[in-house]
Amino acid sequence: MNDIDEPLPPDELGHRVSEVFDLVGALYRRGLRKLEQSEAVEGVSVGVRSVLVLLHRYGPMTVPQMSRLMTLTRQFVQRMTNEAMERGWAEATANPAHQRSSLIRSTEDGEAVITAILAREHALNRQVGGDLTEAELTACARVLKEMLRTFDHVDVD
């Protein structure tokens, strides 16, 4: 048996990471369902929400920049961006760094929509129980970031 503060041997690590994946998958599916239920309120799909969140957090971006951050195809992000623009939540502006790739920015309406969504999500997230500590959440984020980093570098054949 391993000391709780010692790195796990690879075989045991693999099993424990699988447990994390199972939990993250369930959390993702439940969270997605909750987001889709709120879609009726603002009419925002999960994909458009992702675009609006990026624009809200980082300011104007190109579609290729957004697709890299979201690790989604440029075509999918373009469709979500087009939908956001059709709804009046985002707009394309000239990009001084690249003539063929417009900067996408959030409109006032888009900011109002994403601010309302994020406030509702924050209220829900505040209800998470378990008396979680800063150290526990920091450790959780570290584990998930390490898992992401690993899969950014692994080719599956």
N, C-alpha and C. Protein backbone atom coordinates (compact mmCIF):
# COMPACT_ATOMS: atom_id res chain seq x y z
N MET A 1 0.85 -1.18 0.00
CA MET A 1 0.00 0.00 0.00
C MET A 1 0.89 1.24 0.00
N ASN A 2 0.52 2.20 -0.76
CA ASN A 2 1.27 3.43 -0.94
C ASN A 2 0.92 4.45 0.14
N ASP A 3 1.94 5.23 0.58
CA ASP A 3 1.68 6.37 1.47
C ASP A 3 0.83 7.36 0.68
N ILE A 4 -0.17 7.94 1.34
CA ILE A 4 -1.13 8.82 0.65
C ILE A 4 -0.46 10.02 -0.03
N ASP A 5 0.71 10.44 0.47
CA ASP A 5 1.40 11.59 -0.11
C ASP A 5 2.49 11.22 -1.10
N GLU A 6 2.64 9.95 -1.41
CA GLU A 6 3.65 9.49 -2.37
C GLU A 6 3.01 9.30 -3.75
N PRO A 7 3.76 9.59 -4.81
CA PRO A 7 3.21 9.34 -6.16
C PRO A 7 2.83 7.86 -6.31
N LEU A 8 1.74 7.63 -7.02
CA LEU A 8 1.27 6.25 -7.23
C LEU A 8 2.10 5.56 -8.30
N PRO A 9 2.25 4.23 -8.16
CA PRO A 9 2.88 3.48 -9.25
C PRO A 9 1.98 3.55 -10.49
N PRO A 10 2.56 3.46 -11.68
CA PRO A 10 1.79 3.63 -12.92
C PRO A 10 0.51 2.81 -13.02
N ASP A 11 0.54 1.55 -12.62
CA ASP A 11 -0.64 0.70 -12.74
C ASP A 11 -1.77 1.20 -11.85
N GLU A 12 -1.45 1.53 -10.61
CA GLU A 12 -2.46 2.04 -9.69
C GLU A 12 -2.95 3.43 -10.13
N LEU A 13 -2.00 4.24 -10.61
CA LEU A 13 -2.36 5.57 -11.13
C LEU A 13 -3.38 5.43 -12.26
N GLY A 14 -3.15 4.49 -13.16
CA GLY A 14 -4.07 4.27 -14.28
C GLY A 14 -5.48 3.97 -13.82
N HIS A 15 -5.60 3.12 -12.79
CA HIS A 15 -6.93 2.79 -12.26
C HIS A 15 -7.58 4.00 -11.60
N ARG A 16 -6.82 4.75 -10.82
CA ARG A 16 -7.38 5.91 -10.12
C ARG A 16 -7.78 7.01 -11.11
N VAL A 17 -6.98 7.21 -12.17
CA VAL A 17 -7.32 8.20 -13.20
C VAL A 17 -8.59 7.78 -13.92
N SER A 18 -8.78 6.48 -14.12
CA SER A 18 -10.03 5.99 -14.73
C SER A 18 -11.23 6.36 -13.87
N GLU A 19 -11.09 6.26 -12.56
CA GLU A 19 -12.18 6.67 -11.65
C GLU A 19 -12.49 8.16 -11.83
N VAL A 20 -11.44 8.96 -11.96
CA VAL A 20 -11.64 10.40 -12.16
C VAL A 20 -12.38 10.64 -13.48
N PHE A 21 -11.96 9.94 -14.54
CA PHE A 21 -12.64 10.09 -15.83
C PHE A 21 -14.12 9.74 -15.72
N ASP A 22 -14.43 8.66 -15.02
CA ASP A 22 -15.84 8.28 -14.85
C ASP A 22 -16.63 9.39 -14.16
N LEU A 23 -16.05 9.96 -13.12
CA LEU A 23 -16.73 11.04 -12.40
C LEU A 23 -16.85 12.31 -13.25
N VAL A 24 -15.79 12.64 -13.95
CA VAL A 24 -15.82 13.84 -14.80
C VAL A 24 -16.85 13.66 -15.91
N GLY A 25 -16.93 12.44 -16.47
CA GLY A 25 -17.93 12.18 -17.50
C GLY A 25 -19.34 12.37 -16.99
N ALA A 26 -19.63 11.81 -15.81
CA ALA A 26 -20.97 11.97 -15.22
C ALA A 26 -21.25 13.44 -14.92
N LEU A 27 -20.26 14.13 -14.38
CA LEU A 27 -20.42 15.56 -14.07
C LEU A 27 -20.68 16.36 -15.35
N TYR A 28 -19.92 16.05 -16.40
CA TYR A 28 -20.09 16.75 -17.67
C TYR A 28 -21.50 16.54 -18.23
N ARG A 29 -21.95 15.28 -18.23
CA ARG A 29 -23.28 14.98 -18.79
C ARG A 29 -24.38 15.67 -17.99
N ARG A 30 -24.27 15.63 -16.66
CA ARG A 30 -25.29 16.30 -15.83
C ARG A 30 -25.24 17.80 -16.00
N GLY A 31 -24.03 18.35 -16.05
CA GLY A 31 -23.88 19.79 -16.26
C GLY A 31 -24.43 20.22 -17.60
N LEU A 32 -24.17 19.41 -18.63
CA LEU A 32 -24.68 19.70 -19.96
C LEU A 32 -26.20 19.69 -19.97
N ARG A 33 -26.81 18.70 -19.29
CA ARG A 33 -28.27 18.66 -19.20
C ARG A 33 -28.80 19.92 -18.53
N LYS A 34 -28.13 20.35 -17.46
CA LYS A 34 -28.56 21.55 -16.74
C LYS A 34 -28.45 22.77 -17.65
N LEU A 35 -27.35 22.86 -18.39
CA LEU A 35 -27.18 23.97 -19.33
C LEU A 35 -28.26 23.95 -20.40
N GLU A 36 -28.55 22.76 -20.92
CA GLU A 36 -29.56 22.64 -21.96
C GLU A 36 -30.94 23.01 -21.43
N GLN A 37 -31.22 22.73 -20.16
CA GLN A 37 -32.49 23.15 -19.56
C GLN A 37 -32.57 24.66 -19.51
N SER A 38 -31.44 25.31 -19.22
CA SER A 38 -31.44 26.77 -19.15
C SER A 38 -31.47 27.40 -20.53
N GLU A 39 -31.19 26.59 -21.56
CA GLU A 39 -31.22 27.10 -22.94
C GLU A 39 -32.58 27.70 -23.26
N ALA A 40 -33.63 27.13 -22.69
CA ALA A 40 -34.97 27.66 -22.94
C ALA A 40 -35.11 29.09 -22.42
N VAL A 41 -34.34 29.43 -21.38
CA VAL A 41 -34.44 30.77 -20.79
C VAL A 41 -33.87 31.82 -21.75
N GLU A 42 -32.62 31.62 -22.21
CA GLU A 42 -31.99 32.60 -23.09
C GLU A 42 -31.95 32.15 -24.55
N GLY A 43 -32.21 30.88 -24.81
CA GLY A 43 -32.11 30.37 -26.17
C GLY A 43 -30.67 30.18 -26.61
N VAL A 44 -29.77 29.89 -25.66
CA VAL A 44 -28.35 29.75 -25.95
C VAL A 44 -27.97 28.28 -25.93
N SER A 45 -27.44 27.79 -27.03
CA SER A 45 -26.95 26.40 -27.05
C SER A 45 -25.64 26.33 -26.28
N VAL A 46 -25.23 25.12 -25.93
CA VAL A 46 -23.98 24.93 -25.20
C VAL A 46 -22.80 25.45 -26.02
N GLY A 47 -22.82 25.21 -27.33
CA GLY A 47 -21.73 25.68 -28.20
C GLY A 47 -21.64 27.19 -28.26
N VAL A 48 -22.78 27.86 -28.41
CA VAL A 48 -22.79 29.32 -28.44
C VAL A 48 -22.37 29.86 -27.08
N ARG A 49 -22.81 29.21 -26.00
CA ARG A 49 -22.41 29.63 -24.66
C ARG A 49 -20.89 29.61 -24.55
N SER A 50 -20.25 28.56 -25.08
CA SER A 50 -18.79 28.45 -25.01
C SER A 50 -18.11 29.62 -25.73
N VAL A 51 -18.63 29.98 -26.90
CA VAL A 51 -18.09 31.12 -27.64
C VAL A 51 -18.27 32.40 -26.83
N LEU A 52 -19.45 32.61 -26.28
CA LEU A 52 -19.71 33.83 -25.52
C LEU A 52 -18.85 33.91 -24.26
N VAL A 53 -18.60 32.77 -23.62
CA VAL A 53 -17.74 32.76 -22.43
C VAL A 53 -16.32 33.19 -22.80
N LEU A 54 -15.79 32.64 -23.90
CA LEU A 54 -14.44 33.03 -24.32
C LEU A 54 -14.35 34.52 -24.61
N LEU A 55 -15.33 35.04 -25.33
CA LEU A 55 -15.31 36.46 -25.65
C LEU A 55 -15.45 37.31 -24.39
N HIS A 56 -16.26 36.86 -23.46
CA HIS A 56 -16.47 37.56 -22.19
C HIS A 56 -15.17 37.58 -21.38
N ARG A 57 -14.48 36.44 -21.33
CA ARG A 57 -13.28 36.33 -20.49
C ARG A 57 -12.03 36.93 -21.12
N TYR A 58 -11.89 36.77 -22.45
CA TYR A 58 -10.63 37.14 -23.10
C TYR A 58 -10.73 38.31 -24.07
N GLY A 59 -11.95 38.77 -24.34
CA GLY A 59 -12.10 39.85 -25.30
C GLY A 59 -12.11 39.33 -26.72
N PRO A 60 -12.02 40.23 -27.70
CA PRO A 60 -12.11 39.83 -29.11
C PRO A 60 -11.06 38.78 -29.48
N MET A 61 -11.52 37.80 -30.27
CA MET A 61 -10.66 36.70 -30.71
C MET A 61 -11.07 36.29 -32.11
N THR A 62 -10.19 35.60 -32.79
CA THR A 62 -10.53 35.00 -34.08
C THR A 62 -11.15 33.62 -33.83
N VAL A 63 -11.85 33.13 -34.83
CA VAL A 63 -12.41 31.78 -34.72
C VAL A 63 -11.30 30.74 -34.54
N PRO A 64 -10.18 30.81 -35.29
CA PRO A 64 -9.11 29.83 -35.05
C PRO A 64 -8.56 29.90 -33.61
N GLN A 65 -8.45 31.08 -33.04
CA GLN A 65 -7.98 31.19 -31.66
C GLN A 65 -8.97 30.51 -30.71
N MET A 66 -10.27 30.76 -30.92
CA MET A 66 -11.27 30.14 -30.07
C MET A 66 -11.24 28.62 -30.21
N SER A 67 -11.11 28.14 -31.44
CA SER A 67 -11.14 26.68 -31.65
C SER A 67 -9.94 26.02 -30.98
N ARG A 68 -8.78 26.68 -30.98
CA ARG A 68 -7.61 26.12 -30.30
C ARG A 68 -7.85 26.06 -28.79
N LEU A 69 -8.40 27.12 -28.22
CA LEU A 69 -8.67 27.14 -26.78
C LEU A 69 -9.69 26.09 -26.37
N MET A 70 -10.69 25.89 -27.21
CA MET A 70 -11.75 24.93 -26.88
C MET A 70 -11.41 23.51 -27.34
N THR A 71 -10.32 23.37 -28.06
CA THR A 71 -9.94 22.10 -28.69
C THR A 71 -11.11 21.48 -29.46
N LEU A 72 -11.75 22.33 -30.25
CA LEU A 72 -12.84 21.91 -31.13
C LEU A 72 -12.46 22.31 -32.55
N THR A 73 -13.13 21.72 -33.53
CA THR A 73 -12.81 22.06 -34.91
C THR A 73 -13.17 23.51 -35.22
N ARG A 74 -12.38 24.09 -36.10
CA ARG A 74 -12.64 25.47 -36.51
C ARG A 74 -14.03 25.58 -37.14
N GLN A 75 -14.45 24.55 -37.89
CA GLN A 75 -15.74 24.58 -38.54
C GLN A 75 -16.88 24.63 -37.52
N PHE A 76 -16.77 23.83 -36.46
CA PHE A 76 -17.81 23.83 -35.42
C PHE A 76 -17.86 25.19 -34.73
N VAL A 77 -16.69 25.71 -34.37
CA VAL A 77 -16.65 27.02 -33.69
C VAL A 77 -17.18 28.10 -34.62
N GLN A 78 -16.91 27.99 -35.92
CA GLN A 78 -17.43 28.97 -36.87
C GLN A 78 -18.96 28.92 -36.90
N ARG A 79 -19.53 27.71 -36.89
CA ARG A 79 -21.00 27.59 -36.87
C ARG A 79 -21.58 28.21 -35.60
N MET A 80 -20.95 27.97 -34.47
CA MET A 80 -21.44 28.53 -33.20
C MET A 80 -21.29 30.05 -33.20
N THR A 81 -20.19 30.53 -33.77
CA THR A 81 -19.96 31.98 -33.87
C THR A 81 -20.99 32.60 -34.80
N ASN A 82 -21.27 31.96 -35.92
CA ASN A 82 -22.29 32.46 -36.84
C ASN A 82 -23.64 32.55 -36.15
N GLU A 83 -23.97 31.51 -35.36
CA GLU A 83 -25.24 31.52 -34.64
C GLU A 83 -25.29 32.68 -33.64
N ALA A 84 -24.19 32.90 -32.94
CA ALA A 84 -24.12 34.01 -31.98
C ALA A 84 -24.28 35.35 -32.71
N MET A 85 -23.69 35.46 -33.89
CA MET A 85 -23.81 36.71 -34.65
C MET A 85 -25.23 36.90 -35.18
N GLU A 86 -25.85 35.81 -35.64
CA GLU A 86 -27.24 35.89 -36.12
C GLU A 86 -28.18 36.33 -35.01
N ARG A 87 -27.89 35.94 -33.78
CA ARG A 87 -28.72 36.31 -32.63
C ARG A 87 -28.40 37.71 -32.12
N GLY A 88 -27.36 38.35 -32.68
CA GLY A 88 -26.98 39.69 -32.24
C GLY A 88 -26.13 39.70 -30.98
N TRP A 89 -25.53 38.55 -30.64
CA TRP A 89 -24.73 38.44 -29.42
C TRP A 89 -23.24 38.63 -29.68
N ALA A 90 -22.84 38.59 -30.94
CA ALA A 90 -21.43 38.76 -31.31
C ALA A 90 -21.39 39.44 -32.66
N GLU A 91 -20.24 40.04 -32.96
CA GLU A 91 -20.06 40.69 -34.26
C GLU A 91 -18.62 40.55 -34.70
N ALA A 92 -18.42 40.57 -36.01
CA ALA A 92 -17.09 40.50 -36.59
C ALA A 92 -16.56 41.91 -36.79
N THR A 93 -15.28 42.09 -36.48
CA THR A 93 -14.63 43.38 -36.69
C THR A 93 -13.31 43.15 -37.41
N ALA A 94 -12.77 44.20 -37.98
CA ALA A 94 -11.50 44.09 -38.70
C ALA A 94 -10.40 43.65 -37.73
N ASN A 95 -9.52 42.83 -38.25
CA ASN A 95 -8.39 42.33 -37.47
C ASN A 95 -7.12 42.95 -38.03
N PRO A 96 -6.51 43.89 -37.32
CA PRO A 96 -5.31 44.54 -37.85
C PRO A 96 -4.15 43.57 -38.05
N ALA A 97 -4.15 42.44 -37.34
CA ALA A 97 -3.06 41.48 -37.46
C ALA A 97 -3.25 40.49 -38.60
N HIS A 98 -4.48 40.38 -39.13
CA HIS A 98 -4.73 39.36 -40.14
C HIS A 98 -5.97 39.76 -40.94
N GLN A 99 -5.80 40.11 -42.20
CA GLN A 99 -6.91 40.61 -43.01
C GLN A 99 -8.00 39.57 -43.25
N ARG A 100 -7.63 38.29 -43.34
CA ARG A 100 -8.62 37.28 -43.71
C ARG A 100 -9.31 36.64 -42.52
N SER A 101 -8.86 36.93 -41.30
CA SER A 101 -9.46 36.32 -40.12
C SER A 101 -9.96 37.42 -39.20
N SER A 102 -11.26 37.68 -39.27
CA SER A 102 -11.87 38.76 -38.48
C SER A 102 -11.76 38.47 -36.99
N LEU A 103 -11.75 39.55 -36.23
CA LEU A 103 -11.88 39.42 -34.79
C LEU A 103 -13.37 39.35 -34.47
N ILE A 104 -13.74 38.46 -33.59
CA ILE A 104 -15.13 38.34 -33.14
C ILE A 104 -15.19 38.96 -31.76
N ARG A 105 -16.17 39.80 -31.54
CA ARG A 105 -16.34 40.39 -30.22
C ARG A 105 -17.79 40.29 -29.80
N SER A 106 -17.96 40.31 -28.51
CA SER A 106 -19.30 40.24 -27.93
C SER A 106 -19.98 41.59 -28.07
N THR A 107 -21.29 41.57 -28.31
CA THR A 107 -22.07 42.81 -28.33
C THR A 107 -22.61 43.07 -26.91
N GLU A 108 -23.25 44.20 -26.72
CA GLU A 108 -23.88 44.48 -25.42
C GLU A 108 -24.91 43.42 -25.07
N ASP A 109 -25.71 43.02 -26.07
CA ASP A 109 -26.70 41.97 -25.84
C ASP A 109 -26.03 40.65 -25.48
N GLY A 110 -24.93 40.33 -26.16
CA GLY A 110 -24.19 39.12 -25.87
C GLY A 110 -23.62 39.13 -24.47
N GLU A 111 -23.10 40.28 -24.04
CA GLU A 111 -22.57 40.40 -22.68
C GLU A 111 -23.69 40.23 -21.66
N ALA A 112 -24.84 40.80 -21.94
CA ALA A 112 -25.97 40.67 -21.01
C ALA A 112 -26.40 39.21 -20.88
N VAL A 113 -26.46 38.51 -22.00
CA VAL A 113 -26.87 37.10 -22.00
C VAL A 113 -25.87 36.24 -21.23
N ILE A 114 -24.58 36.39 -21.53
CA ILE A 114 -23.59 35.52 -20.88
C ILE A 114 -23.44 35.89 -19.41
N THR A 115 -23.59 37.14 -19.06
CA THR A 115 -23.53 37.55 -17.66
C THR A 115 -24.66 36.91 -16.87
N ALA A 116 -25.85 36.87 -17.45
CA ALA A 116 -27.00 36.24 -16.78
C ALA A 116 -26.77 34.73 -16.63
N ILE A 117 -26.25 34.09 -17.66
CA ILE A 117 -25.98 32.65 -17.60
C ILE A 117 -24.93 32.35 -16.53
N LEU A 118 -23.84 33.10 -16.53
CA LEU A 118 -22.77 32.86 -15.57
C LEU A 118 -23.24 33.13 -14.14
N ALA A 119 -24.09 34.11 -13.96
CA ALA A 119 -24.63 34.39 -12.61
C ALA A 119 -25.49 33.23 -12.13
N ARG A 120 -26.31 32.68 -13.02
CA ARG A 120 -27.16 31.55 -12.65
C ARG A 120 -26.30 30.32 -12.34
N GLU A 121 -25.25 30.09 -13.15
CA GLU A 121 -24.36 28.96 -12.90
C GLU A 121 -23.61 29.15 -11.58
N HIS A 122 -23.19 30.37 -11.30
CA HIS A 122 -22.48 30.64 -10.05
C HIS A 122 -23.38 30.34 -8.85
N ALA A 123 -24.63 30.74 -8.96
CA ALA A 123 -25.58 30.46 -7.86
C ALA A 123 -25.72 28.96 -7.65
N LEU A 124 -25.75 28.20 -8.72
CA LEU A 124 -25.82 26.74 -8.61
C LEU A 124 -24.52 26.18 -8.03
N ASN A 125 -23.39 26.67 -8.50
CA ASN A 125 -22.10 26.18 -8.02
C ASN A 125 -21.88 26.48 -6.54
N ARG A 126 -22.48 27.55 -6.05
CA ARG A 126 -22.37 27.90 -4.63
C ARG A 126 -23.03 26.85 -3.74
N GLN A 127 -23.90 26.03 -4.32
CA GLN A 127 -24.63 25.03 -3.54
C GLN A 127 -23.86 23.71 -3.39
N VAL A 128 -22.69 23.62 -4.01
CA VAL A 128 -21.89 22.40 -3.89
C VAL A 128 -21.56 22.18 -2.42
N GLY A 129 -21.83 20.99 -1.95
CA GLY A 129 -21.61 20.67 -0.53
C GLY A 129 -20.25 20.05 -0.29
N GLY A 130 -20.12 19.43 0.86
CA GLY A 130 -18.91 18.70 1.19
C GLY A 130 -17.87 19.50 1.93
N ASP A 131 -18.19 20.74 2.30
CA ASP A 131 -17.22 21.58 3.02
C ASP A 131 -15.85 21.56 2.36
N LEU A 132 -15.83 21.75 1.06
CA LEU A 132 -14.59 21.70 0.30
C LEU A 132 -13.66 22.84 0.71
N THR A 133 -12.36 22.52 0.73
CA THR A 133 -11.36 23.52 1.10
C THR A 133 -10.64 24.04 -0.13
N GLU A 134 -9.95 25.13 0.05
CA GLU A 134 -9.12 25.69 -1.03
C GLU A 134 -8.08 24.65 -1.47
N ALA A 135 -7.47 23.97 -0.52
CA ALA A 135 -6.45 22.96 -0.85
C ALA A 135 -7.05 21.84 -1.69
N GLU A 136 -8.26 21.40 -1.35
CA GLU A 136 -8.88 20.32 -2.11
C GLU A 136 -9.20 20.75 -3.53
N LEU A 137 -9.73 21.95 -3.68
CA LEU A 137 -10.05 22.43 -5.03
C LEU A 137 -8.79 22.70 -5.84
N THR A 138 -7.75 23.18 -5.20
CA THR A 138 -6.47 23.38 -5.88
C THR A 138 -5.92 22.04 -6.36
N ALA A 139 -5.99 21.02 -5.49
CA ALA A 139 -5.52 19.69 -5.87
C ALA A 139 -6.35 19.11 -7.01
N CYS A 140 -7.65 19.29 -6.94
CA CYS A 140 -8.54 18.80 -8.00
C CYS A 140 -8.19 19.46 -9.33
N ALA A 141 -8.03 20.77 -9.33
CA ALA A 141 -7.68 21.49 -10.56
C ALA A 141 -6.32 21.03 -11.08
N ARG A 142 -5.37 20.80 -10.19
CA ARG A 142 -4.04 20.33 -10.59
C ARG A 142 -4.14 18.97 -11.29
N VAL A 143 -4.91 18.07 -10.72
CA VAL A 143 -5.08 16.74 -11.31
C VAL A 143 -5.71 16.85 -12.71
N LEU A 144 -6.78 17.62 -12.82
CA LEU A 144 -7.46 17.74 -14.11
C LEU A 144 -6.57 18.40 -15.16
N LYS A 145 -5.81 19.42 -14.76
CA LYS A 145 -4.89 20.08 -15.69
C LYS A 145 -3.80 19.11 -16.15
N GLU A 146 -3.30 18.29 -15.24
CA GLU A 146 -2.27 17.31 -15.60
C GLU A 146 -2.83 16.27 -16.57
N MET A 147 -4.08 15.85 -16.34
CA MET A 147 -4.72 14.91 -17.26
C MET A 147 -4.87 15.55 -18.63
N LEU A 148 -5.30 16.80 -18.68
CA LEU A 148 -5.43 17.50 -19.96
C LEU A 148 -4.08 17.60 -20.66
N ARG A 149 -3.08 17.98 -19.92
CA ARG A 149 -1.74 18.13 -20.49
C ARG A 149 -1.25 16.80 -21.07
N THR A 150 -1.50 15.71 -20.38
CA THR A 150 -1.10 14.39 -20.86
C THR A 150 -1.76 14.07 -22.19
N PHE A 151 -3.06 14.32 -22.28
CA PHE A 151 -3.78 13.96 -23.50
C PHE A 151 -3.58 14.94 -24.62
N ASP A 152 -3.02 16.11 -24.33
CA ASP A 152 -2.62 17.01 -25.41
C ASP A 152 -1.41 16.46 -26.16
N HIS A 153 -0.65 15.55 -25.50
CA HIS A 153 0.60 15.06 -26.07
C HIS A 153 0.53 13.58 -26.46
N VAL A 154 -0.62 12.94 -26.30
CA VAL A 154 -0.72 11.51 -26.59
C VAL A 154 -1.46 11.32 -27.92
N ASP A 155 -0.82 10.59 -28.83
CA ASP A 155 -1.47 10.23 -30.08
C ASP A 155 -2.09 8.85 -29.91
N VAL A 156 -3.37 8.73 -30.23
CA VAL A 156 -4.03 7.43 -30.15
C VAL A 156 -4.12 6.85 -31.55
N ASP A 157 -3.54 5.67 -31.71
CA ASP A 157 -3.55 5.02 -33.04
C ASP A 157 -4.54 3.90 -33.06
